[in-house]
Amino acid sequence: MSQTASNLLPPQKKTINSGTLLQHTLNTMSQVILGKEHTLRLALACLIARGHLLIEDQPGVGKTTLSHLLARVLNLDFQRIQFTSDMLPADILGVSVYDQNSASFKFHPGPVFSQLVLADEVNRATPKAQSALLEAMEEYQVTTEGETHPLPSPFFVIATQNPSNQIGTFALPESQLDRFLMRLEIGYPDQAHEKELLKGRDRREILQDIEATMTTEQLLTIQASVAQVHVSDSLIDYLQKILNFSRHSPCYRNGLSPRAGIAMLRCAQAWAILDNRDHLLPEDIQAILPATTNHRLQPSAELSAQDNDEIVSHLLTVPLD
């Protein structure tokens, strides 16, 4: 790496004072979900970058617990939607009911009108029900019967899905996948942390004792500060090299879109905020690269047998210079 640190630093600028608050939040979350500090950090970066999170993993590894935990530590209103094959869009968005007193229809908001929404087992619903989340996730609003209803702020969707080889699942279309800033896997704990889980208190009991680490106003301030993280021209060039590599490499069927590039940059800026920095480093882009691209890239026929980590690893070989 021949780029000097001075080339990556912004001009005189006040440091964003949020690292201590966010580190306290991560430390608190680590008391409930053990041995997954990097995953928790990615999930928090996704939230403060105003993205949405998709978690794909086996049942019982802590997907739902992570959702409850984020709502708890960030003091957010929480709703859980259990997706099933017979679910209708109105079950998610809400429905208009005729009010005899006013002789008019009154809109009754659905569970999507919450600050943090857990869309549990989203791939068990039909594509029609899955698409009901599209406008909400992209536009932060819901339109029904010609009327537009704004969603609360902040608004964050965590969707969980079971592996596609399980019975009764409908694969998420690419347009839906692209709405998620990140896709994560929690995975099994290592032996030491699993032993601590088995010997310790129930995670749900510990979760009830967790107190909020910040107010909604503080969270919104941190989210607003993400756009203020300085990005040097050399790092913009580096990100463009990654995007161009994905578009011309024989490794992938389709390259990363401009929207994916914008999402990656925003997420890298959020990662810098977690380090209490007001400027971006190449390591920030590299840290968020796998989680922000593994659901957007499809391997070519030659690489179809490789797993997600191997597919994304090619992007990490793109040189900075």
Protein backbone atom coordinates (compact mmCIF):
# COMPACT_ATOMS: atom_id res chain seq x y z
CA MET A 1 0.00 0.00 0.00
CA SER A 2 1.85 3.08 -1.27
CA GLN A 3 -0.81 5.58 -0.29
CA THR A 4 0.44 7.65 2.61
CA ALA A 5 -1.84 8.28 5.56
CA SER A 6 -1.78 12.02 4.86
CA ASN A 7 -3.39 11.45 1.46
CA LEU A 8 -6.34 9.71 3.11
CA LEU A 9 -6.95 12.24 5.85
CA PRO A 10 -9.45 15.09 5.48
CA PRO A 11 -8.58 18.74 5.89
CA GLN A 12 -8.91 20.18 9.39
CA LYS A 13 -12.15 18.73 10.71
CA LYS A 14 -13.67 18.00 14.08
CA THR A 15 -13.64 14.33 15.11
CA ILE A 16 -17.04 12.71 15.42
CA ASN A 17 -17.56 12.01 19.11
CA SER A 18 -19.60 8.81 18.98
CA GLY A 19 -17.04 6.00 19.31
CA THR A 20 -17.37 5.65 23.08
CA LEU A 21 -21.15 5.45 22.91
CA LEU A 22 -21.08 2.86 20.14
CA GLN A 23 -18.37 0.82 21.84
CA HIS A 24 -20.48 0.72 25.00
CA THR A 25 -23.38 -0.50 22.85
CA LEU A 26 -21.25 -3.27 21.34
CA ASN A 27 -19.93 -4.32 24.76
CA THR A 28 -23.50 -4.55 26.05
CA MET A 29 -24.60 -6.65 23.08
CA SER A 30 -21.65 -9.00 23.59
CA GLN A 31 -23.04 -9.91 27.00
CA VAL A 32 -26.00 -11.61 25.31
CA ILE A 33 -24.55 -12.97 22.05
CA LEU A 34 -21.19 -14.48 22.92
CA GLY A 35 -18.13 -14.69 20.70
CA LYS A 36 -19.67 -12.87 17.73
CA GLU A 37 -18.17 -9.40 18.11
CA HIS A 38 -17.45 -8.97 14.40
CA THR A 39 -20.99 -9.97 13.43
CA LEU A 40 -22.47 -7.60 16.01
CA ARG A 41 -20.27 -4.80 14.72
CA LEU A 42 -21.44 -5.41 11.16
CA ALA A 43 -25.10 -5.44 12.22
CA LEU A 44 -24.68 -2.14 14.07
CA ALA A 45 -22.84 -0.60 11.11
CA CYS A 46 -25.73 -1.66 8.87
CA LEU A 47 -28.21 0.07 11.13
CA ILE A 48 -26.34 3.36 11.50
CA ALA A 49 -25.80 3.39 7.72
CA ARG A 50 -29.62 3.36 7.34
CA GLY A 51 -29.54 0.00 5.59
CA HIS A 52 -31.45 -3.23 6.11
CA LEU A 53 -30.07 -6.57 7.19
CA LEU A 54 -30.66 -10.10 5.90
CA ILE A 55 -29.54 -12.98 8.12
CA GLU A 56 -29.39 -16.42 6.55
CA ASP A 57 -28.53 -19.27 8.86
CA GLN A 58 -29.70 -22.44 10.54
CA PRO A 59 -32.49 -22.22 13.14
CA GLY A 60 -31.40 -21.70 16.74
CA VAL A 61 -28.17 -19.72 16.27
CA GLY A 62 -29.49 -16.41 17.58
CA LYS A 63 -31.11 -14.58 14.64
CA THR A 64 -34.21 -13.55 16.56
CA THR A 65 -32.19 -12.81 19.71
CA LEU A 66 -30.02 -10.37 17.75
CA SER A 67 -33.12 -8.51 16.56
CA HIS A 68 -34.56 -8.20 20.06
CA LEU A 69 -31.14 -7.16 21.35
CA LEU A 70 -30.71 -4.31 18.86
CA ALA A 71 -34.18 -3.01 19.67
CA ARG A 72 -33.41 -3.20 23.38
CA VAL A 73 -30.03 -1.44 23.42
CA LEU A 74 -31.14 1.26 20.96
CA ASN A 75 -34.52 1.82 22.63
CA LEU A 76 -36.50 1.18 19.44
CA ASP A 77 -40.12 0.15 18.96
CA PHE A 78 -40.12 -3.48 17.87
CA GLN A 79 -42.47 -5.66 15.85
CA ARG A 80 -41.99 -9.24 14.71
CA ILE A 81 -43.72 -10.52 11.57
CA GLN A 82 -43.79 -14.29 11.14
CA PHE A 83 -43.87 -14.91 7.40
CA THR A 84 -45.95 -17.87 6.24
CA SER A 85 -47.08 -19.23 2.88
CA ASP A 86 -50.62 -17.85 3.31
CA MET A 87 -49.57 -14.31 4.29
CA LEU A 88 -51.08 -11.37 2.39
CA PRO A 89 -49.53 -7.91 1.81
CA ALA A 90 -52.22 -6.36 4.02
CA ASP A 91 -50.94 -8.49 6.92
CA ILE A 92 -47.69 -6.53 6.66
CA LEU A 93 -48.71 -3.06 5.53
CA GLY A 94 -52.12 -2.63 7.14
CA VAL A 95 -55.66 -2.31 5.92
CA SER A 96 -58.37 0.33 5.53
CA VAL A 97 -61.56 -0.35 7.50
CA TYR A 98 -64.88 1.43 7.03
CA ASP A 99 -65.78 3.63 9.99
CA GLN A 100 -69.54 4.04 10.32
CA ASN A 101 -69.26 7.09 12.58
CA SER A 102 -67.27 9.11 10.05
CA ALA A 103 -68.73 7.34 7.01
CA SER A 104 -65.24 6.89 5.61
CA PHE A 105 -62.43 4.38 5.46
CA LYS A 106 -59.77 4.60 8.16
CA PHE A 107 -56.30 3.16 7.67
CA HIS A 108 -55.10 0.76 10.37
CA PRO A 109 -51.29 0.48 10.17
CA GLY A 110 -49.76 -2.96 9.99
CA PRO A 111 -46.74 -4.23 11.92
CA VAL A 112 -44.32 -2.68 9.40
CA PHE A 113 -45.02 0.67 11.09
CA SER A 114 -42.35 0.18 13.72
CA GLN A 115 -38.79 1.40 14.14
CA LEU A 116 -37.28 -2.08 14.03
CA VAL A 117 -39.13 -4.81 12.15
CA LEU A 118 -38.13 -8.46 12.28
CA ALA A 119 -39.33 -10.23 9.13
CA ASP A 120 -38.87 -13.75 10.40
CA GLU A 121 -38.40 -16.55 7.84
CA VAL A 122 -39.14 -14.13 5.01
CA ASN A 123 -38.51 -16.77 2.36
CA ARG A 124 -41.44 -18.88 3.60
CA ALA A 125 -43.89 -16.29 2.22
CA THR A 126 -44.92 -16.07 -1.42
CA PRO A 127 -43.23 -13.52 -3.70
CA LYS A 128 -46.36 -11.34 -3.52
CA ALA A 129 -46.06 -11.01 0.24
CA GLN A 130 -42.29 -10.56 0.05
CA SER A 131 -42.68 -7.67 -2.38
CA ALA A 132 -44.86 -5.82 0.11
CA LEU A 133 -41.67 -4.91 1.93
CA LEU A 134 -40.01 -3.41 -1.17
CA GLU A 135 -41.40 0.11 -1.06
CA ALA A 136 -41.15 0.27 2.71
CA MET A 137 -37.47 -0.68 2.69
CA GLU A 138 -36.52 1.54 -0.24
CA GLU A 139 -38.76 4.59 0.20
CA TYR A 140 -39.44 4.52 3.96
CA GLN A 141 -43.12 4.84 3.24
CA VAL A 142 -46.17 2.72 2.46
CA THR A 143 -48.74 3.49 -0.23
CA THR A 144 -52.14 1.85 0.01
CA GLU A 145 -55.29 2.79 -1.90
CA GLY A 146 -53.66 5.92 -3.29
CA GLU A 147 -52.52 7.27 0.07
CA THR A 148 -48.92 7.47 1.23
CA HIS A 149 -48.07 6.86 4.88
CA PRO A 150 -44.57 7.66 6.17
CA LEU A 151 -42.78 5.09 8.29
CA PRO A 152 -41.19 5.99 11.64
CA SER A 153 -37.61 7.16 11.92
CA PRO A 154 -35.31 5.38 12.36
CA PHE A 155 -36.66 2.46 10.33
CA PHE A 156 -34.68 -0.78 10.17
CA VAL A 157 -35.69 -4.17 8.77
CA ILE A 158 -33.98 -7.38 9.84
CA ALA A 159 -35.12 -10.28 7.70
CA THR A 160 -34.19 -13.86 8.50
CA GLN A 161 -34.34 -16.74 6.09
CA ASN A 162 -33.66 -20.42 6.31
CA PRO A 163 -31.33 -22.10 3.82
CA SER A 164 -33.02 -22.47 0.44
CA ASN A 165 -32.72 -26.27 0.50
CA GLN A 166 -35.26 -26.49 3.32
CA ILE A 167 -38.83 -27.48 2.50
CA GLY A 168 -41.40 -24.74 1.92
CA THR A 169 -39.14 -21.84 0.97
CA PHE A 170 -39.40 -19.33 -1.88
CA ALA A 171 -36.10 -17.84 -3.03
CA LEU A 172 -35.90 -14.06 -2.68
CA PRO A 173 -35.74 -12.36 -6.09
CA GLU A 174 -32.66 -10.30 -6.93
CA SER A 175 -34.62 -7.05 -6.70
CA GLN A 176 -35.53 -7.92 -3.11
CA LEU A 177 -32.01 -9.02 -2.20
CA ASP A 178 -30.60 -5.72 -3.46
CA ARG A 179 -32.73 -3.86 -0.90
CA PHE A 180 -30.62 -5.34 1.87
CA LEU A 181 -27.42 -3.49 2.62
CA MET A 182 -25.89 -6.63 4.16
CA ARG A 183 -26.34 -10.36 4.37
CA LEU A 184 -24.81 -12.05 7.42
CA GLU A 185 -24.45 -15.51 8.89
CA ILE A 186 -24.16 -15.82 12.66
CA GLY A 187 -22.85 -19.38 12.71
CA TYR A 188 -22.27 -21.75 15.60
CA PRO A 189 -20.32 -20.55 18.64
CA ASP A 190 -16.86 -21.89 19.36
CA GLN A 191 -16.45 -24.47 22.12
CA ALA A 192 -15.52 -22.02 24.88
CA HIS A 193 -18.47 -19.71 24.27
CA GLU A 194 -20.89 -22.58 23.75
CA LYS A 195 -19.84 -23.98 27.13
CA GLU A 196 -20.52 -20.58 28.66
CA LEU A 197 -23.95 -20.59 27.01
CA LEU A 198 -24.75 -24.02 28.40
CA LYS A 199 -23.62 -23.17 31.93
CA GLY A 200 -24.98 -19.63 32.08
CA ARG A 201 -28.38 -18.00 32.37
CA ASP A 202 -30.98 -18.18 29.66
CA ARG A 203 -30.28 -15.52 27.00
CA ARG A 204 -33.86 -14.30 27.23
CA GLU A 205 -33.46 -13.61 30.93
CA ILE A 206 -30.25 -11.67 30.33
CA LEU A 207 -31.94 -9.75 27.53
CA GLN A 208 -34.64 -8.57 29.93
CA ASP A 209 -31.96 -7.04 32.16
CA ILE A 210 -30.29 -5.13 29.32
CA GLU A 211 -30.81 -1.36 29.42
CA ALA A 212 -30.76 1.03 26.48
CA THR A 213 -27.34 2.48 25.75
CA MET A 214 -28.53 5.51 23.77
CA THR A 215 -31.62 7.54 23.00
CA THR A 216 -33.40 7.72 19.67
CA GLU A 217 -32.13 11.26 19.22
CA GLN A 218 -28.54 10.11 19.72
CA LEU A 219 -29.01 7.31 17.19
CA LEU A 220 -30.44 9.69 14.61
CA THR A 221 -27.52 12.06 15.17
CA ILE A 222 -25.04 9.22 14.60
CA GLN A 223 -26.90 8.15 11.45
CA ALA A 224 -26.75 11.73 10.15
CA SER A 225 -23.02 11.93 10.85
CA VAL A 226 -22.25 8.99 8.54
CA ALA A 227 -22.47 11.20 5.46
CA GLN A 228 -19.93 13.60 7.02
CA VAL A 229 -17.15 11.00 7.09
CA HIS A 230 -14.48 12.26 4.70
CA VAL A 231 -13.68 10.06 1.69
CA SER A 232 -10.54 10.86 -0.30
CA ASP A 233 -10.45 10.71 -4.09
CA SER A 234 -7.99 7.81 -3.90
CA LEU A 235 -10.51 5.73 -1.95
CA ILE A 236 -13.27 6.58 -4.41
CA ASP A 237 -10.92 5.31 -7.12
CA TYR A 238 -10.30 2.13 -5.08
CA LEU A 239 -14.02 1.49 -4.72
CA GLN A 240 -14.51 2.04 -8.45
CA LYS A 241 -11.78 -0.50 -9.19
CA ILE A 242 -13.70 -3.06 -7.12
CA LEU A 243 -16.94 -2.28 -8.96
CA ASN A 244 -15.26 -2.49 -12.37
CA PHE A 245 -13.51 -5.74 -11.45
CA SER A 246 -16.86 -7.33 -10.58
CA ARG A 247 -18.31 -6.21 -13.94
CA HIS A 248 -15.49 -7.49 -16.13
CA SER A 249 -14.23 -10.50 -14.19
CA PRO A 250 -15.12 -13.98 -15.49
CA CYS A 251 -15.85 -14.92 -11.87
CA TYR A 252 -19.33 -13.36 -11.87
CA ARG A 253 -22.43 -13.52 -14.01
CA ASN A 254 -23.35 -9.91 -13.22
CA GLY A 255 -21.32 -7.08 -11.74
CA LEU A 256 -22.09 -4.77 -8.84
CA SER A 257 -24.52 -1.97 -9.68
CA PRO A 258 -23.99 1.75 -8.95
CA ARG A 259 -26.53 1.39 -6.15
CA ALA A 260 -24.38 -1.36 -4.65
CA GLY A 261 -21.37 0.94 -4.81
CA ILE A 262 -23.23 3.72 -3.00
CA ALA A 263 -24.37 1.23 -0.35
CA MET A 264 -20.83 -0.08 0.13
CA LEU A 265 -19.46 3.43 0.56
CA ARG A 266 -22.14 4.36 3.09
CA CYS A 267 -21.52 1.18 5.05
CA ALA A 268 -17.74 1.75 5.04
CA GLN A 269 -18.35 5.26 6.41
CA ALA A 270 -20.45 3.74 9.19
CA TRP A 271 -17.60 1.33 9.96
CA ALA A 272 -15.29 4.34 10.36
CA ILE A 273 -17.81 5.91 12.76
CA LEU A 274 -17.59 2.76 14.90
CA ASP A 275 -13.84 3.41 15.14
CA ASN A 276 -14.55 7.03 16.12
CA ARG A 277 -12.94 8.35 12.94
CA ASP A 278 -14.17 11.10 10.63
CA HIS A 279 -12.23 9.81 7.61
CA LEU A 280 -12.28 6.62 5.61
CA LEU A 281 -9.44 4.10 5.32
CA PRO A 282 -9.03 1.24 2.83
CA GLU A 283 -9.49 -1.21 5.71
CA ASP A 284 -13.03 0.12 6.22
CA ILE A 285 -14.02 -0.85 2.68
CA GLN A 286 -12.34 -4.24 3.03
CA ALA A 287 -14.05 -4.92 6.36
CA ILE A 288 -17.57 -4.47 5.01
CA LEU A 289 -16.92 -5.86 1.52
CA PRO A 290 -17.97 -9.52 2.08
CA ALA A 291 -21.22 -8.72 3.92
CA THR A 292 -22.30 -6.08 1.39
CA THR A 293 -21.55 -8.07 -1.78
CA ASN A 294 -22.13 -11.77 -1.05
CA HIS A 295 -25.87 -11.52 -1.85
CA ARG A 296 -25.42 -9.24 -4.88
CA LEU A 297 -22.97 -11.38 -6.85
CA GLN A 298 -23.79 -14.59 -8.65
CA PRO A 299 -20.84 -16.85 -9.55
CA SER A 300 -20.13 -17.78 -13.13
CA ALA A 301 -20.65 -21.37 -14.25
CA GLU A 302 -16.97 -22.10 -13.67
CA LEU A 303 -17.17 -20.98 -10.02
CA SER A 304 -20.65 -22.23 -9.17
CA ALA A 305 -19.28 -24.81 -6.73
CA GLN A 306 -17.52 -22.19 -4.61
CA ASP A 307 -19.10 -20.84 -1.45
CA ASN A 308 -19.86 -17.16 -0.77
CA ASP A 309 -16.58 -16.49 1.00
CA GLU A 310 -14.55 -17.82 -1.91
CA ILE A 311 -16.57 -15.85 -4.44
CA VAL A 312 -16.16 -12.54 -2.60
CA SER A 313 -12.48 -13.18 -1.87
CA HIS A 314 -11.63 -12.30 -5.48
CA LEU A 315 -12.74 -8.71 -4.80
CA LEU A 316 -10.28 -8.42 -1.95
CA THR A 317 -7.42 -9.01 -4.37
CA VAL A 318 -8.10 -5.74 -6.19
CA PRO A 319 -5.06 -3.51 -5.50
CA LEU A 320 -5.41 -0.09 -3.93
CA ASP A 321 -2.90 1.45 -6.36
